[in-house]
Protein backbone atom coordinates (compact mmCIF):
# COMPACT_ATOMS: atom_id res chain seq x y z
CA MET A 1 -80.80 -57.65 106.00
CA THR A 2 -78.04 -59.55 107.73
CA ARG A 3 -74.64 -57.86 107.49
CA LEU A 4 -71.51 -60.03 107.29
CA PRO A 5 -68.90 -59.57 109.99
CA ALA A 6 -66.17 -57.09 109.23
CA SER A 7 -63.52 -59.83 109.21
CA ARG A 8 -65.44 -61.70 106.50
CA ALA A 9 -66.34 -58.59 104.52
CA ARG A 10 -62.69 -57.70 103.77
CA PRO A 11 -61.36 -59.57 100.74
CA LEU A 12 -58.34 -61.66 101.62
CA LEU A 13 -55.21 -61.63 99.47
CA THR A 14 -55.33 -64.28 96.83
CA ARG A 15 -52.53 -66.76 96.37
CA ARG A 16 -51.56 -65.10 93.10
CA THR A 17 -51.32 -61.71 94.77
CA ARG A 18 -49.17 -63.08 97.58
CA ARG A 19 -46.82 -64.69 95.08
CA ARG A 20 -46.53 -61.45 93.15
CA LEU A 21 -45.76 -59.47 96.31
CA ALA A 22 -43.16 -62.04 97.35
CA ALA A 23 -41.56 -61.82 93.90
CA ASP A 24 -41.53 -58.01 94.06
CA ALA A 25 -39.93 -58.12 97.51
CA ALA A 26 -37.26 -60.52 96.27
CA LEU A 27 -36.52 -58.29 93.28
CA LEU A 28 -36.25 -55.25 95.55
CA ALA A 29 -33.80 -57.13 97.78
CA VAL A 30 -31.66 -58.11 94.79
CA THR A 31 -31.79 -54.54 93.48
CA ALA A 32 -30.66 -53.21 96.85
CA ALA A 33 -27.82 -55.74 96.95
CA PHE A 34 -26.49 -54.29 93.69
CA ALA A 35 -27.43 -50.65 94.25
CA VAL A 36 -25.85 -50.19 97.68
CA PRO A 37 -22.27 -51.09 96.60
CA LEU A 38 -22.62 -48.88 93.53
CA ALA A 39 -23.91 -46.03 95.67
CA TRP A 40 -20.95 -46.48 98.04
CA LEU A 41 -18.57 -46.47 95.07
CA VAL A 42 -19.87 -43.19 93.67
CA LEU A 43 -20.26 -41.39 97.01
CA SER A 44 -16.92 -42.54 98.40
CA SER A 45 -15.06 -41.42 95.29
CA LEU A 46 -16.21 -37.86 96.07
CA ASP A 47 -15.43 -38.07 99.79
CA THR A 48 -11.86 -37.50 101.00
CA GLY A 49 -12.70 -39.07 104.37
CA ALA A 50 -14.59 -42.06 103.03
CA THR A 51 -15.10 -45.17 105.13
CA LEU A 52 -17.02 -48.39 104.64
CA ARG A 53 -20.26 -46.60 105.50
CA VAL A 54 -22.54 -45.37 102.73
CA ARG A 55 -22.89 -41.66 103.36
CA VAL A 56 -23.30 -38.48 101.36
CA PRO A 57 -20.05 -36.47 101.51
CA GLY A 58 -20.32 -33.18 103.33
CA SER A 59 -18.14 -31.37 100.80
CA PRO A 60 -17.84 -33.37 97.58
CA SER A 61 -14.53 -32.99 95.76
CA LEU A 62 -12.47 -34.59 93.01
CA ASP A 63 -9.34 -34.88 95.14
CA ASN A 64 -9.50 -38.68 95.08
CA PHE A 65 -9.48 -38.71 91.28
CA SER A 66 -6.62 -36.21 91.21
CA ALA A 67 -4.62 -38.44 93.57
CA VAL A 68 -4.97 -41.57 91.43
CA LEU A 69 -4.62 -40.00 87.98
CA THR A 70 -0.87 -40.57 87.74
CA ASP A 71 1.28 -42.67 85.44
CA GLU A 72 2.32 -45.07 88.19
CA ILE A 73 -1.12 -45.65 89.70
CA THR A 74 -3.55 -45.50 86.77
CA PHE A 75 -2.25 -44.76 83.29
CA THR A 76 0.52 -47.36 83.01
CA PRO A 77 -1.50 -50.21 84.63
CA MET A 78 -4.53 -49.36 82.48
CA LEU A 79 -2.41 -49.41 79.34
CA ASN A 80 -0.95 -52.76 80.39
CA SER A 81 -4.47 -54.11 80.92
CA LEU A 82 -5.61 -52.89 77.50
CA VAL A 83 -2.64 -54.49 75.75
CA LEU A 84 -2.91 -57.73 77.71
CA CYS A 85 -6.68 -58.21 77.59
CA GLY A 86 -7.13 -56.78 74.10
CA SER A 87 -4.58 -59.11 72.50
CA ALA A 88 -5.85 -62.12 74.47
CA THR A 89 -9.45 -61.36 73.50
CA ALA A 90 -8.60 -61.04 69.81
CA LEU A 91 -6.73 -64.34 69.92
CA THR A 92 -9.58 -66.05 71.76
CA VAL A 93 -12.28 -64.87 69.34
CA ALA A 94 -10.19 -65.86 66.29
CA CYS A 95 -9.39 -69.33 67.62
CA ALA A 96 -12.97 -69.87 68.80
CA ALA A 97 -14.33 -69.05 65.32
CA LEU A 98 -11.88 -71.44 63.65
CA ALA A 99 -12.70 -74.21 66.13
CA ALA A 100 -16.47 -73.69 66.08
CA TYR A 101 -16.77 -73.80 62.29
CA PRO A 102 -15.99 -77.52 61.78
CA LEU A 103 -17.90 -78.42 64.94
CA SER A 104 -20.98 -76.64 63.62
CA ARG A 105 -20.80 -77.66 59.96
CA TYR A 106 -19.32 -81.17 59.88
CA ARG A 107 -20.64 -84.29 61.56
CA SER A 108 -18.14 -86.72 63.02
CA ARG A 109 -18.18 -89.39 65.69
CA PHE A 110 -15.50 -87.40 67.50
CA SER A 111 -17.52 -84.17 67.63
CA ARG A 112 -19.56 -85.05 70.70
CA PRO A 113 -16.59 -86.37 72.77
CA TYR A 114 -14.66 -83.26 71.79
CA LEU A 115 -17.49 -80.95 72.85
CA LEU A 116 -17.84 -82.81 76.14
CA THR A 117 -14.10 -82.41 76.71
CA VAL A 118 -14.39 -78.70 75.99
CA LEU A 119 -17.31 -78.46 78.40
CA PHE A 120 -15.29 -80.24 81.07
CA ALA A 121 -12.43 -77.79 80.53
CA THR A 122 -14.76 -74.89 81.29
CA CYS A 123 -15.45 -76.39 84.73
CA LEU A 124 -11.80 -76.53 85.83
CA PRO A 125 -10.96 -73.83 88.38
CA ILE A 126 -8.05 -71.67 87.33
CA THR A 127 -6.36 -72.16 90.68
CA ALA A 128 -6.13 -75.92 90.07
CA VAL A 129 -3.83 -75.53 87.06
CA MET A 130 -1.73 -72.52 88.04
CA VAL A 131 1.01 -74.48 89.82
CA PRO A 132 1.91 -76.66 86.80
CA VAL A 133 1.42 -73.68 84.48
CA TYR A 134 3.83 -71.60 86.53
CA ALA A 135 6.41 -74.40 86.44
CA LEU A 136 5.93 -74.75 82.68
CA PHE A 137 6.31 -71.01 82.12
CA VAL A 138 9.58 -71.04 84.07
CA GLN A 139 10.90 -73.91 81.93
CA VAL A 140 10.04 -72.29 78.58
CA ASN A 141 11.06 -68.75 79.64
CA LEU A 142 7.56 -67.29 79.39
CA ILE A 143 7.42 -66.09 82.97
CA ASP A 144 7.16 -62.30 83.36
CA THR A 145 6.20 -61.80 79.70
CA VAL A 146 3.07 -60.06 78.51
CA TYR A 147 2.64 -62.26 75.44
CA GLY A 148 3.00 -65.44 77.50
CA THR A 149 0.37 -64.23 79.96
CA ALA A 150 -1.91 -63.25 77.07
CA LEU A 151 -1.54 -66.73 75.58
CA PHE A 152 -2.56 -68.39 78.83
CA LEU A 153 -5.52 -66.02 79.33
CA ALA A 154 -6.69 -66.80 75.82
CA ALA A 155 -6.33 -70.54 76.40
CA SER A 156 -8.25 -70.36 79.67
CA GLN A 157 -11.23 -68.60 78.05
CA LEU A 158 -11.17 -70.54 74.79
CA PRO A 159 -13.38 -73.53 75.82
CA PHE A 160 -16.40 -71.43 76.78
CA ALA A 161 -15.84 -69.15 73.79
CA ILE A 162 -15.96 -72.18 71.48
CA TRP A 163 -19.28 -73.27 73.02
CA LEU A 164 -20.80 -69.82 72.57
CA MET A 165 -19.47 -69.38 69.05
CA LYS A 166 -20.74 -72.79 67.93
CA ASN A 167 -24.25 -72.12 69.26
CA PHE A 168 -24.42 -68.85 67.35
CA MET A 169 -22.92 -70.41 64.23
CA ASP A 170 -25.58 -73.14 64.22
CA GLY A 171 -28.16 -70.46 63.44
CA ILE A 172 -26.58 -69.58 60.07
CA PRO A 173 -28.33 -71.42 57.18
CA ARG A 174 -26.05 -73.79 55.28
CA ALA A 175 -27.59 -72.64 51.99
CA LEU A 176 -25.65 -69.38 52.26
CA GLU A 177 -22.36 -71.29 52.45
CA GLU A 178 -23.32 -73.51 49.55
CA ALA A 179 -24.04 -70.43 47.45
CA ALA A 180 -20.59 -69.05 48.30
CA TRP A 181 -18.97 -72.39 47.42
CA THR A 182 -20.78 -72.35 44.09
CA ASP A 183 -19.14 -68.99 43.37
CA GLY A 184 -15.73 -70.53 44.04
CA ALA A 185 -15.13 -69.38 47.63
CA SER A 186 -12.95 -71.47 49.90
CA TRP A 187 -14.02 -72.51 53.39
CA PHE A 188 -11.95 -69.74 54.95
CA GLN A 189 -13.42 -67.12 52.62
CA THR A 190 -16.89 -68.44 53.45
CA LEU A 191 -16.19 -68.19 57.16
CA TRP A 192 -14.65 -64.72 56.91
CA ARG A 193 -16.97 -63.08 54.37
CA VAL A 194 -20.29 -64.85 54.91
CA ILE A 195 -20.66 -66.49 58.32
CA LEU A 196 -18.88 -64.07 60.64
CA PRO A 197 -20.57 -60.92 59.23
CA LEU A 198 -23.97 -62.59 59.61
CA MET A 199 -23.33 -63.67 63.21
CA GLY A 200 -22.24 -60.21 64.31
CA PRO A 201 -24.29 -60.33 67.56
CA GLY A 202 -22.72 -63.67 68.45
CA VAL A 203 -19.18 -62.42 67.87
CA THR A 204 -20.06 -59.34 69.93
CA VAL A 205 -21.29 -61.42 72.85
CA VAL A 206 -18.17 -63.58 72.81
CA THR A 207 -15.91 -60.51 72.58
CA VAL A 208 -17.56 -58.58 75.41
CA TYR A 209 -17.80 -61.61 77.70
CA THR A 210 -14.19 -62.66 77.08
CA PHE A 211 -12.79 -59.15 77.53
CA ALA A 212 -14.78 -58.55 80.72
CA ILE A 213 -13.60 -61.82 82.30
CA MET A 214 -9.98 -61.14 81.40
CA TRP A 215 -10.18 -57.52 82.52
CA GLY A 216 -11.18 -58.57 86.02
CA ASN A 217 -8.71 -61.47 86.27
CA PHE A 218 -6.33 -60.92 89.18
CA PHE A 219 -4.83 -64.32 89.91
CA VAL A 220 -3.20 -65.10 86.55
CA PRO A 221 -1.25 -61.84 85.98
CA PHE A 222 -0.40 -61.72 89.68
CA LEU A 223 1.44 -65.04 89.37
CA LEU A 224 2.86 -64.82 85.85
CA LEU A 225 3.96 -61.16 85.79
CA LEU A 226 6.72 -60.19 88.21
CA SER A 227 7.90 -56.76 87.05
CA PRO A 228 5.92 -53.89 88.61
CA GLU A 229 5.96 -51.90 85.35
CA GLN A 230 4.13 -54.75 83.55
CA LEU A 231 1.35 -55.32 86.08
CA PRO A 232 -2.20 -54.62 84.85
CA ALA A 233 -4.74 -52.54 86.72
CA SER A 234 -6.40 -55.61 88.23
CA VAL A 235 -3.19 -56.26 90.19
CA SER A 236 -2.05 -52.70 90.86
CA ILE A 237 -5.28 -52.09 92.76
CA PHE A 238 -3.46 -53.64 95.71
CA THR A 239 -1.52 -50.41 96.11
CA PHE A 240 -4.53 -48.93 97.91
CA PHE A 241 -4.36 -51.56 100.66
CA GLY A 242 -1.72 -50.41 103.12
CA ASN A 243 -0.20 -52.10 106.14
CA TYR A 244 -2.08 -52.85 109.36
CA GLY A 245 -5.46 -52.71 107.66
CA ALA A 246 -5.13 -49.11 106.47
CA ILE A 247 -7.09 -48.61 103.24
CA ALA A 248 -7.53 -45.42 101.23
CA PHE A 249 -11.23 -45.95 100.61
CA GLY A 250 -11.80 -42.74 98.68
CA GLN A 251 -8.92 -43.33 96.28
CA LEU A 252 -9.87 -46.99 95.98
CA ALA A 253 -13.41 -46.01 94.94
CA ALA A 254 -12.12 -43.44 92.44
CA PHE A 255 -9.71 -45.97 90.91
CA SER A 256 -12.48 -48.59 90.73
CA ILE A 257 -14.67 -46.24 88.71
CA LEU A 258 -11.83 -45.52 86.30
CA TYR A 259 -10.98 -49.22 86.17
CA SER A 260 -14.51 -50.24 85.16
CA THR A 261 -14.82 -47.55 82.49
CA PRO A 262 -13.20 -49.47 79.55
CA VAL A 263 -15.55 -52.44 79.93
CA VAL A 264 -18.59 -50.17 80.11
CA LEU A 265 -17.42 -48.21 77.06
CA LEU A 266 -16.80 -51.42 75.12
CA TYR A 267 -20.32 -52.61 75.84
CA VAL A 268 -21.86 -49.24 74.94
CA LEU A 269 -19.95 -48.98 71.67
CA ILE A 270 -20.95 -52.39 70.34
CA SER A 271 -24.25 -52.99 72.16
CA ARG A 272 -26.18 -51.76 69.11
CA ARG A 273 -25.09 -54.93 67.33
CA LEU A 274 -26.61 -57.10 70.04
CA GLY A 275 -30.12 -56.12 68.95
CA GLY A 276 -29.62 -57.21 65.38
CA GLY A 277 -30.50 -60.83 65.97
CA PHE A 278 -30.45 -63.49 63.30
CA THR A 279 -33.22 -62.48 60.88
CA LEU A 280 -31.94 -64.75 58.14
CA GLY A 281 -35.14 -66.52 57.25
CA GLY A 282 -35.63 -64.51 54.04
CA ALA A 283 -32.01 -64.76 52.99
CA VAL A 284 -32.48 -68.21 51.48
CA LYS A 285 -35.74 -67.57 49.63
CA GLY A 286 -36.30 -66.62 46.08
């Protein structure tokens, strides 16, 4: 019996296998790109002599957290961020729901141009409009005010919030609204008591996304808020960058962990609503 050469006896990798291995390698690279900074953040927060290198601290301690847990460094800026971003998020979600309702339920020749204008507004970089906005805020005495900054943050996130809210609202059957109208409900009562409760996952997505974007916004409060006691945590993080390139890496890592905690907690608290979905098919039967 003739034996095949060893080189021909070994099965070569198929094209499908090579593609799968390449995809796995790409996923591992992406995972490492996210995991390494997180590992540095956690390890450096426990290392009093932390540098830019990722290393396990020889003697882990909580001294970095003790150094940043003060009213001036953490508590006051975090409270300012909660007030600023929380009020702006509530205003954005409310205005987005009111704007998305007629766009989703009524047909008009102006609906499509309006939606295209809203889509164009989402593409404008915030840096392109800050100079005229700053001049306007000076003229109307809104500079260095928390409510003025919250209004601008809400306006800057409103276009994308309207798009998201409308897409979720399109999934609510119109028959449910018609039943509410038959019972004598107004359009506002229908929106508040029927549509918004049914699109809980959509409202949750808009809320979390809007709050997270505002929470990490540095440029807007940096320009519009001048008093140090009103600065949010996204701006006060600059206190860890000293002169001549000196940076307190350990304290910076500890503050970053504390700074990201509210967004993570918000997502954890309301993430259970994200799995609800829109199982409304049986709501209009019978």
